[in-house]
N, C-alpha and C. Protein backbone atom coordinates (compact mmCIF):
# COMPACT_ATOMS: atom_id res chain seq x y z
N MET A 1 -15.23 8.19 -28.08
CA MET A 1 -15.95 9.19 -28.78
C MET A 1 -15.44 9.27 -30.23
N VAL A 2 -14.11 9.32 -30.37
CA VAL A 2 -13.52 9.38 -31.71
C VAL A 2 -13.89 8.12 -32.49
N ASN A 3 -13.83 6.98 -31.82
CA ASN A 3 -14.15 5.72 -32.49
C ASN A 3 -15.58 5.71 -32.99
N ASP A 4 -16.52 6.11 -32.14
CA ASP A 4 -17.93 6.10 -32.55
C ASP A 4 -18.21 7.06 -33.71
N ILE A 5 -17.67 8.27 -33.60
CA ILE A 5 -17.91 9.28 -34.64
C ILE A 5 -17.30 8.85 -35.97
N MET A 6 -16.05 8.41 -35.93
CA MET A 6 -15.37 8.04 -37.17
C MET A 6 -15.92 6.74 -37.76
N ALA A 7 -16.36 5.81 -36.92
CA ALA A 7 -17.01 4.60 -37.44
C ALA A 7 -18.29 4.97 -38.17
N TYR A 8 -19.04 5.91 -37.63
CA TYR A 8 -20.26 6.38 -38.28
C TYR A 8 -19.94 7.04 -39.63
N VAL A 9 -18.92 7.93 -39.63
CA VAL A 9 -18.55 8.64 -40.86
C VAL A 9 -18.06 7.66 -41.93
N PHE A 10 -17.16 6.75 -41.56
CA PHE A 10 -16.65 5.78 -42.53
C PHE A 10 -17.75 4.83 -42.98
N GLY A 11 -18.60 4.42 -42.05
CA GLY A 11 -19.69 3.52 -42.41
C GLY A 11 -20.67 4.14 -43.38
N LYS A 12 -21.03 5.40 -43.14
CA LYS A 12 -21.96 6.09 -44.04
C LYS A 12 -21.32 6.41 -45.39
N THR A 13 -20.02 6.72 -45.37
CA THR A 13 -19.33 7.11 -46.60
C THR A 13 -18.96 5.90 -47.47
N PHE A 14 -18.34 4.89 -46.85
CA PHE A 14 -17.81 3.76 -47.61
C PHE A 14 -18.51 2.44 -47.35
N GLY A 15 -19.44 2.40 -46.40
CA GLY A 15 -20.02 1.14 -45.94
C GLY A 15 -20.86 0.40 -46.96
N LYS A 16 -20.48 -0.84 -47.22
CA LYS A 16 -21.24 -1.71 -48.12
C LYS A 16 -21.39 -3.11 -47.52
N THR A 17 -20.41 -3.55 -46.74
CA THR A 17 -20.38 -4.91 -46.22
C THR A 17 -20.93 -4.94 -44.80
N SER A 18 -22.03 -5.64 -44.58
CA SER A 18 -22.65 -5.72 -43.25
C SER A 18 -21.73 -6.44 -42.28
N LEU A 19 -21.65 -5.91 -41.06
CA LEU A 19 -20.78 -6.49 -40.04
C LEU A 19 -21.48 -7.60 -39.28
N ILE A 20 -22.74 -7.36 -38.89
CA ILE A 20 -23.48 -8.33 -38.09
C ILE A 20 -24.98 -8.21 -38.42
N LYS A 21 -25.66 -9.32 -38.45
CA LYS A 21 -27.08 -9.30 -38.81
C LYS A 21 -27.94 -8.67 -37.72
N LEU A 22 -27.48 -8.72 -36.48
CA LEU A 22 -28.22 -8.15 -35.37
C LEU A 22 -28.37 -6.64 -35.52
N SER A 23 -27.36 -5.99 -36.08
CA SER A 23 -27.40 -4.54 -36.31
C SER A 23 -27.01 -4.29 -37.77
N PRO A 24 -27.99 -4.24 -38.67
CA PRO A 24 -27.70 -4.19 -40.11
C PRO A 24 -27.02 -2.90 -40.57
N ASN A 25 -27.04 -1.82 -39.79
CA ASN A 25 -26.40 -0.58 -40.21
C ASN A 25 -24.92 -0.53 -39.91
N LYS A 26 -24.40 -1.51 -39.16
CA LYS A 26 -22.97 -1.55 -38.87
C LYS A 26 -22.25 -2.25 -40.02
N THR A 27 -21.12 -1.64 -40.45
CA THR A 27 -20.38 -2.20 -41.59
C THR A 27 -18.93 -2.45 -41.22
N TRP A 28 -18.30 -3.33 -41.98
CA TRP A 28 -16.87 -3.59 -41.79
C TRP A 28 -16.05 -2.33 -42.08
N GLU A 29 -16.46 -1.57 -43.05
CA GLU A 29 -15.73 -0.34 -43.41
C GLU A 29 -15.76 0.66 -42.25
N GLY A 30 -16.90 0.77 -41.59
CA GLY A 30 -17.01 1.64 -40.43
C GLY A 30 -16.19 1.14 -39.26
N PHE A 31 -16.22 -0.17 -39.05
CA PHE A 31 -15.45 -0.79 -37.96
C PHE A 31 -13.95 -0.55 -38.15
N ILE A 32 -13.45 -0.81 -39.34
CA ILE A 32 -12.01 -0.64 -39.63
C ILE A 32 -11.63 0.84 -39.63
N GLY A 33 -12.45 1.68 -40.26
CA GLY A 33 -12.16 3.11 -40.29
C GLY A 33 -12.16 3.72 -38.90
N GLY A 34 -13.10 3.32 -38.05
CA GLY A 34 -13.14 3.81 -36.67
C GLY A 34 -11.92 3.38 -35.88
N GLY A 35 -11.50 2.14 -36.06
CA GLY A 35 -10.33 1.64 -35.35
C GLY A 35 -9.05 2.35 -35.75
N ILE A 36 -8.84 2.51 -37.04
CA ILE A 36 -7.63 3.20 -37.53
C ILE A 36 -7.65 4.67 -37.11
N SER A 37 -8.80 5.32 -37.18
CA SER A 37 -8.90 6.72 -36.77
C SER A 37 -8.61 6.88 -35.28
N THR A 38 -9.05 5.93 -34.47
CA THR A 38 -8.78 5.99 -33.03
C THR A 38 -7.29 5.89 -32.76
N ILE A 39 -6.60 5.01 -33.45
CA ILE A 39 -5.15 4.86 -33.26
C ILE A 39 -4.43 6.13 -33.69
N VAL A 40 -4.79 6.70 -34.83
CA VAL A 40 -4.16 7.93 -35.31
C VAL A 40 -4.41 9.08 -34.32
N PHE A 41 -5.65 9.21 -33.84
CA PHE A 41 -5.97 10.26 -32.88
C PHE A 41 -5.17 10.08 -31.59
N ALA A 42 -5.05 8.84 -31.11
CA ALA A 42 -4.31 8.57 -29.88
C ALA A 42 -2.84 8.98 -30.01
N VAL A 43 -2.23 8.69 -31.15
CA VAL A 43 -0.82 9.05 -31.37
C VAL A 43 -0.67 10.57 -31.38
N ILE A 44 -1.57 11.26 -32.05
CA ILE A 44 -1.50 12.73 -32.14
C ILE A 44 -1.73 13.37 -30.78
N ILE A 45 -2.75 12.94 -30.06
CA ILE A 45 -3.08 13.58 -28.78
C ILE A 45 -2.03 13.28 -27.72
N THR A 46 -1.42 12.10 -27.72
CA THR A 46 -0.37 11.82 -26.75
C THR A 46 0.88 12.64 -27.05
N GLY A 47 1.17 12.86 -28.33
CA GLY A 47 2.29 13.74 -28.68
C GLY A 47 2.07 15.16 -28.19
N TYR A 48 0.84 15.63 -28.29
CA TYR A 48 0.50 16.98 -27.82
C TYR A 48 0.54 17.05 -26.30
N LEU A 49 -0.06 16.08 -25.62
CA LEU A 49 -0.12 16.11 -24.16
C LEU A 49 1.23 15.89 -23.50
N SER A 50 2.16 15.24 -24.18
CA SER A 50 3.47 15.01 -23.59
C SER A 50 4.28 16.30 -23.45
N ASN A 51 3.83 17.40 -24.04
CA ASN A 51 4.51 18.68 -23.89
C ASN A 51 4.17 19.37 -22.56
N PHE A 52 3.16 18.89 -21.84
CA PHE A 52 2.76 19.49 -20.58
C PHE A 52 3.48 18.83 -19.42
N HIS A 53 4.20 19.64 -18.66
CA HIS A 53 5.03 19.14 -17.56
C HIS A 53 4.18 18.45 -16.49
N SER A 54 3.00 18.95 -16.22
CA SER A 54 2.17 18.36 -15.17
C SER A 54 1.70 16.96 -15.52
N ILE A 55 1.71 16.61 -16.78
CA ILE A 55 1.29 15.27 -17.20
C ILE A 55 2.46 14.29 -17.19
N THR A 56 3.66 14.77 -17.52
CA THR A 56 4.81 13.88 -17.61
C THR A 56 5.65 13.86 -16.35
N CYS A 57 5.28 14.62 -15.34
CA CYS A 57 6.04 14.67 -14.08
C CYS A 57 5.85 13.37 -13.31
N PRO A 58 6.93 12.65 -13.01
CA PRO A 58 6.79 11.41 -12.25
C PRO A 58 6.52 11.72 -10.77
N MET A 59 5.57 11.05 -10.20
CA MET A 59 5.24 11.23 -8.78
C MET A 59 5.74 10.02 -8.00
N ASN A 60 6.44 10.27 -6.90
CA ASN A 60 6.97 9.19 -6.08
C ASN A 60 5.98 8.72 -5.02
N GLU A 61 5.02 9.57 -4.68
CA GLU A 61 4.00 9.22 -3.70
C GLU A 61 2.68 9.86 -4.10
N VAL A 62 1.61 9.28 -3.61
CA VAL A 62 0.29 9.81 -3.91
C VAL A 62 -0.12 10.76 -2.79
N ILE A 63 -0.39 12.01 -3.14
CA ILE A 63 -0.81 13.01 -2.18
C ILE A 63 -2.18 13.52 -2.64
N ILE A 64 -3.16 13.42 -1.77
CA ILE A 64 -4.50 13.85 -2.14
C ILE A 64 -4.72 15.25 -1.58
N MET A 65 -4.26 16.23 -2.32
CA MET A 65 -4.44 17.64 -1.98
C MET A 65 -4.79 18.33 -3.29
N PRO A 66 -6.05 18.68 -3.50
CA PRO A 66 -6.50 19.12 -4.81
C PRO A 66 -5.83 20.36 -5.39
N PHE A 67 -5.42 21.31 -4.57
CA PHE A 67 -4.87 22.56 -5.11
C PHE A 67 -3.38 22.70 -4.87
N LYS A 68 -2.73 21.64 -4.47
CA LYS A 68 -1.29 21.69 -4.23
C LYS A 68 -0.56 21.67 -5.56
N LYS A 69 0.39 22.57 -5.72
CA LYS A 69 1.17 22.64 -6.96
C LYS A 69 2.11 21.45 -7.06
N ILE A 70 2.24 20.91 -8.24
CA ILE A 70 3.11 19.76 -8.48
C ILE A 70 4.56 20.20 -8.45
N GLN A 71 5.35 19.53 -7.65
CA GLN A 71 6.78 19.83 -7.56
C GLN A 71 7.57 18.62 -8.05
N CYS A 72 8.31 18.80 -9.10
CA CYS A 72 9.21 17.73 -9.55
C CYS A 72 10.35 18.37 -10.36
N GLU A 73 11.44 17.64 -10.45
CA GLU A 73 12.61 18.15 -11.14
C GLU A 73 12.49 17.88 -12.63
N ARG A 74 12.93 18.83 -13.40
CA ARG A 74 12.95 18.64 -14.85
C ARG A 74 14.26 17.96 -15.24
N PRO A 75 14.18 17.01 -16.15
CA PRO A 75 15.42 16.32 -16.56
C PRO A 75 16.31 17.22 -17.39
């Protein structure tokens, strides 16, 4: 989602060089801008999500119980 949106924004803002003849509205600037934006977003969102214990809790076995509270030791 981030890649598509940012590729569109960068392509419309800075796009001059056509990427492929099959789709003339796609540009190298949009392709590169979308890729870099995706990497930046991934780094930011993983830093944010790593603060949640339920995401970083290591599980030793798979238990399929939808409402069971996660039990694990904090380091």
